[in-house]
Structure formats: structure tokens, C-alpha cells
Amino acid sequence: MSWWRRNRWGLILMLPVLALALAAASFRLVTLYLPWFASTGTHVEDAVTVTTDSSFVVYPDGEEYTATFTPLSLVPVASAPDEAYLGDGSDLRAAPGARLWRLSTRVEADPSMSLVECRLSLLGPDGTRYMAGLAQTTSEGVAVVPSLGAGSCVPAGAPGPYSDLEGRVQPVGEGEDRPATYTLDTYISVPTAVVPAEVRIDMSIGGHWKIDAPGV
């Protein structure tokens, strides 16, 4: 008797198990992975407003907050202040073949809302994403070396509330209270042949938002 005939009933009984496994994997793909990595984003006008539904943070009494991001200006600059990156007091300049852009953004958010997972970046006319951080040029364009806090949506030294590994919001550290309204300057390196077309804002879940770059 062949192996297939001896084990046919076991193989038949495995079919519903495999179906359940595929269904579970599909659920994770659709509800968890795709919103993070495959979303085309939502284009908005004037300002981007995000809510606590776009964050993994859990507030003790189910509080709901909103944060509004309004890009004010986007201009090319010769250098960026180093304190946002390495902290040795020198200025950062773009590598050959690249140009630095300074994105200024006004943020209005309740100081109790956690924004530490939020990130700002730029999009080229073809949709290529350019992120804040140290950069070098390659044959394919600008390669970004991520640096701690680069592209953050919170002001340096005043991040506001964090969350633990389970997403539960934690008390604000001493001296780290975030103001309700502030302006961020984000420095991003882009190939010299590219003029940024959009500003992109990412939260931890719920996809991302795009808005036309100001004044470009």
C-alpha cells in the first residue's frame, strides 16, 4: 500500500486546518501589515489632523486627542544645525550630489497626547520618500543613515508622554512637558535634481498622510 493511501485520511483532515491557518495569516496581513507598509496614504489639503486612533498608545481612561500638522515653509539651505543629530556643535552639510531642505511645520496637539512615534519626511514628484537623518549619495540617489530622533514630530528636549512596550502611556518625565503649539524645523537631504512635491506624516498605525509641500 502506497504512502498516499495509508495517510489519505490524515491528509484530508489537514485541509480544514490549513484553511484556518491561511485565514489567520490573511487577517494579520490585512489588518496589521498592509496598513503599515502597503498603504498609499491619504492626501489632504492645508493641514494634516491625526487622532489617537492612529497610534498604538493606550490611555488610562480611553482619552481621545488630536494633533494638527501645518507645513509652513520648505526651503533649500546650505547647512543644518548639528544638535539635532550628532550634538558636537558643528553644522551638517549635504553630500555631493545632494541638497538640504528645511521643512518648517507648526504642530498643535494636546500635551497629554503621545507623538513620539510620529515621523515627518518628504516625497519627490515620483513618490520616492526622503527621510531625515545623516545622508550620503550613491549611484541610485541619496542613502539615508537613520539617526536617533531624526524626523521626529516632537521638539528636542520636550517630547511629552511616552508609552511602554505594551503601548500604555507613561507619565511625562521631569522637564519634558511638550507645549500645546510649537514649530519644528526638519532637515532632509534630497538629490539636487529633485524638488520635493509633498510632505508625508507617519504615525504607528493607520497608514500615512500626504500634503502638498509649501511654497515649492
Protein backbone atom coordinates (compact mmCIF):
# COMPACT_ATOMS: atom_id res chain seq x y z
CA MET A 1 0.00 0.00 0.00
CA SER A 2 1.42 3.40 -1.01
CA TRP A 3 2.19 6.14 1.47
CA TRP A 4 -0.56 8.32 0.00
CA ARG A 5 -3.23 5.63 0.51
CA ARG A 6 -2.08 4.84 4.06
CA ASN A 7 -2.25 8.52 5.08
CA ARG A 8 -5.14 9.75 2.95
CA TRP A 9 -7.48 10.37 5.92
CA GLY A 10 -4.83 12.32 7.79
CA LEU A 11 -4.22 14.42 4.70
CA ILE A 12 -7.93 15.04 4.26
CA LEU A 13 -8.27 16.12 7.90
CA MET A 14 -5.40 18.55 7.43
CA LEU A 15 -7.32 20.58 4.83
CA PRO A 16 -9.55 22.49 7.28
CA VAL A 17 -6.52 23.13 9.49
CA LEU A 18 -4.64 24.63 6.57
CA ALA A 19 -7.69 26.73 5.66
CA LEU A 20 -7.84 28.14 9.19
CA ALA A 21 -4.11 28.89 9.13
CA LEU A 22 -4.43 30.75 5.83
CA ALA A 23 -7.41 32.70 7.15
CA ALA A 24 -5.44 33.74 10.24
CA ALA A 25 -2.46 34.80 8.11
CA SER A 26 -4.74 36.79 5.81
CA PHE A 27 -6.27 38.54 8.81
CA ARG A 28 -2.83 39.61 10.05
CA LEU A 29 -1.82 40.73 6.55
CA VAL A 30 -4.94 42.85 6.00
CA THR A 31 -5.33 44.29 9.49
CA LEU A 32 -1.73 44.67 10.64
CA TYR A 33 0.92 44.57 7.94
CA LEU A 34 -0.77 46.26 4.99
CA PRO A 35 -1.82 49.40 6.90
CA TRP A 36 1.83 49.82 7.99
CA PHE A 37 3.70 49.04 4.79
CA ALA A 38 1.38 48.94 1.77
CA SER A 39 -0.84 51.97 2.29
CA THR A 40 -0.72 54.54 -0.49
CA GLY A 41 -1.55 57.21 2.06
CA THR A 42 -4.26 59.85 2.26
CA HIS A 43 -3.76 63.18 0.54
CA VAL A 44 -5.21 66.18 2.39
CA GLU A 45 -5.35 69.93 1.90
CA ASP A 46 -3.96 72.69 4.12
CA ALA A 47 -3.20 70.63 7.25
CA VAL A 48 -2.95 67.03 8.47
CA THR A 49 -5.01 66.06 11.51
CA VAL A 50 -4.29 62.75 13.24
CA THR A 51 -6.11 61.20 16.17
CA THR A 52 -5.31 58.73 18.91
CA ASP A 53 -6.85 56.03 16.68
CA SER A 54 -3.70 56.34 14.55
CA SER A 55 -1.43 55.43 17.44
CA PHE A 56 -0.72 52.21 19.33
CA VAL A 57 -0.73 54.16 22.62
CA VAL A 58 -3.40 53.21 25.16
CA TYR A 59 -4.59 55.95 27.52
CA PRO A 60 -5.78 55.00 31.03
CA ASP A 61 -9.35 56.31 30.69
CA GLY A 62 -9.73 55.96 26.93
CA GLU A 63 -8.89 59.61 26.30
CA GLU A 64 -9.04 60.82 22.72
CA TYR A 65 -6.79 63.56 21.36
CA THR A 66 -5.97 65.12 18.00
CA ALA A 67 -2.82 66.67 16.59
CA THR A 68 -2.75 69.07 13.63
CA PHE A 69 0.34 69.50 11.42
CA THR A 70 0.56 72.54 9.15
CA PRO A 71 3.61 72.79 6.85
CA LEU A 72 4.70 76.43 6.85
CA SER A 73 7.70 76.52 4.53
CA LEU A 74 10.14 74.32 2.65
CA VAL A 75 13.38 75.93 1.51
CA PRO A 76 16.85 74.72 0.44
CA VAL A 77 19.58 75.56 2.96
CA ALA A 78 23.37 75.37 2.99
CA SER A 79 23.63 73.52 6.31
CA ALA A 80 21.72 72.10 9.26
CA PRO A 81 22.45 72.60 12.97
CA ASP A 82 24.21 69.54 14.28
CA GLU A 83 22.49 69.41 17.68
CA ALA A 84 19.57 67.64 16.01
CA TYR A 85 21.88 64.77 15.03
CA LEU A 86 25.36 64.25 16.47
CA GLY A 87 25.49 67.04 19.02
CA ASP A 88 29.12 68.13 18.65
CA GLY A 89 28.27 71.72 17.73
CA SER A 90 29.28 71.68 14.06
CA ASP A 91 26.96 72.19 11.12
CA LEU A 92 25.89 69.39 8.79
CA ARG A 93 26.07 69.80 5.04
CA ALA A 94 24.67 67.76 2.19
CA ALA A 95 26.95 65.27 0.47
CA PRO A 96 28.00 65.99 -3.15
CA GLY A 97 25.03 65.45 -5.44
CA ALA A 98 22.51 66.24 -2.69
CA ARG A 99 20.85 69.33 -1.28
CA LEU A 100 19.47 70.03 2.18
CA TRP A 101 15.90 71.22 2.60
CA ARG A 102 14.47 72.73 5.77
CA LEU A 103 10.82 71.89 6.41
CA SER A 104 9.12 74.11 9.00
CA THR A 105 5.92 72.70 10.44
CA ARG A 106 3.52 74.09 13.03
CA VAL A 107 2.15 71.44 15.38
CA GLU A 108 -0.93 71.88 17.56
CA ALA A 109 -1.61 68.99 19.94
CA ASP A 110 -2.77 68.38 23.49
CA PRO A 111 0.37 67.98 25.65
CA SER A 112 -1.13 64.73 27.00
CA MET A 113 -1.10 63.11 23.54
CA SER A 114 1.90 60.89 22.79
CA LEU A 115 3.59 61.79 19.49
CA VAL A 116 6.95 60.07 19.91
CA GLU A 117 6.24 57.54 17.13
CA CYS A 118 5.28 60.24 14.62
CA ARG A 119 7.71 60.99 11.75
CA LEU A 120 7.98 63.69 9.07
CA SER A 121 9.51 63.11 5.62
CA LEU A 122 9.39 64.41 2.05
CA LEU A 123 8.15 62.87 -1.19
CA GLY A 124 9.57 63.53 -4.63
CA PRO A 125 7.35 64.04 -7.70
CA ASP A 126 7.58 60.30 -8.42
CA GLY A 127 6.60 59.34 -4.87
CA THR A 128 10.13 58.49 -3.68
CA ARG A 129 10.39 59.07 0.06
CA TYR A 130 13.25 61.08 1.56
CA MET A 131 13.69 60.83 5.33
CA ALA A 132 15.56 62.98 7.82
CA GLY A 133 18.94 61.79 9.04
CA LEU A 134 22.56 61.71 8.01
CA ALA A 135 22.93 61.03 4.30
CA GLN A 136 25.40 60.12 1.60
CA THR A 137 24.98 59.93 -2.16
CA THR A 138 25.03 56.68 -4.09
CA SER A 139 24.65 55.77 -7.76
CA GLU A 140 20.91 55.46 -7.13
CA GLY A 141 20.45 58.73 -5.24
CA VAL A 142 20.66 59.68 -1.59
CA ALA A 143 21.07 56.95 1.02
CA VAL A 144 19.89 57.97 4.48
CA VAL A 145 21.61 56.73 7.63
CA PRO A 146 18.88 56.95 10.30
CA SER A 147 19.81 58.88 13.41
CA LEU A 148 18.02 58.90 16.72
CA GLY A 149 15.02 61.23 16.67
CA ALA A 150 15.52 62.29 13.04
CA GLY A 151 12.24 63.45 11.52
CA SER A 152 10.54 63.41 14.91
CA CYS A 153 7.28 65.31 15.38
CA VAL A 154 8.20 66.47 18.90
CA PRO A 155 10.58 69.27 19.93
CA ALA A 156 14.02 68.33 21.20
CA GLY A 157 14.09 68.01 24.98
CA ALA A 158 10.32 68.28 25.31
CA PRO A 159 8.84 65.09 23.80
CA GLY A 160 5.82 64.82 26.08
CA PRO A 161 4.46 61.42 27.14
CA TYR A 162 5.96 58.11 26.05
CA SER A 163 4.46 54.62 26.20
CA ASP A 164 5.78 51.30 27.45
CA LEU A 165 6.29 48.16 25.33
CA GLU A 166 2.60 47.29 25.73
CA GLY A 167 1.51 50.70 24.47
CA ARG A 168 0.38 52.09 27.83
CA VAL A 169 1.03 55.80 28.16
CA GLN A 170 3.57 56.78 30.79
CA PRO A 171 3.88 59.97 32.86
CA VAL A 172 5.90 62.78 31.34
CA GLY A 173 9.46 62.97 32.63
CA GLU A 174 10.55 65.97 34.64
CA GLY A 175 11.20 68.92 32.34
CA GLU A 176 9.93 67.05 29.27
CA ASP A 177 6.46 68.61 29.06
CA ARG A 178 5.56 69.40 25.45
CA PRO A 179 3.91 72.75 24.63
CA ALA A 180 0.46 72.76 23.06
CA THR A 181 1.74 74.64 19.98
CA TYR A 182 5.26 74.67 18.57
CA THR A 183 7.19 74.84 15.30
CA LEU A 184 9.52 72.10 14.08
CA ASP A 185 12.44 72.55 11.69
CA THR A 186 13.21 69.25 9.95
CA TYR A 187 16.29 68.93 7.71
CA ILE A 188 16.15 66.41 4.87
CA SER A 189 18.74 65.59 2.20
CA VAL A 190 17.41 65.17 -1.35
CA PRO A 191 19.21 64.67 -4.71
CA THR A 192 19.95 68.03 -6.33
CA ALA A 193 17.82 67.16 -9.36
CA VAL A 194 14.73 66.57 -7.18
CA VAL A 195 12.33 69.23 -5.92
CA PRO A 196 10.15 67.80 -3.12
CA ALA A 197 6.47 67.73 -4.02
CA GLU A 198 4.77 66.57 -0.81
CA VAL A 199 5.20 66.32 2.93
CA ARG A 200 4.48 62.92 4.47
CA ILE A 201 3.41 62.30 8.07
CA ASP A 202 3.51 58.80 9.55
CA MET A 203 2.01 57.50 12.78
CA SER A 204 2.48 53.97 14.10
CA ILE A 205 -0.75 52.59 12.59
CA GLY A 206 -3.42 53.69 10.16
CA GLY A 207 -1.24 54.40 7.15
CA HIS A 208 0.13 57.86 6.47
CA TRP A 209 -0.91 61.30 5.25
CA LYS A 210 0.41 63.46 2.42
CA ILE A 211 0.09 67.18 1.87
CA ASP A 212 1.47 69.43 -0.85
CA ALA A 213 4.86 70.89 0.03
CA PRO A 214 4.51 74.59 0.91
CA GLY A 215 5.90 77.22 -1.43
CA VAL A 216 7.70 74.88 -3.82
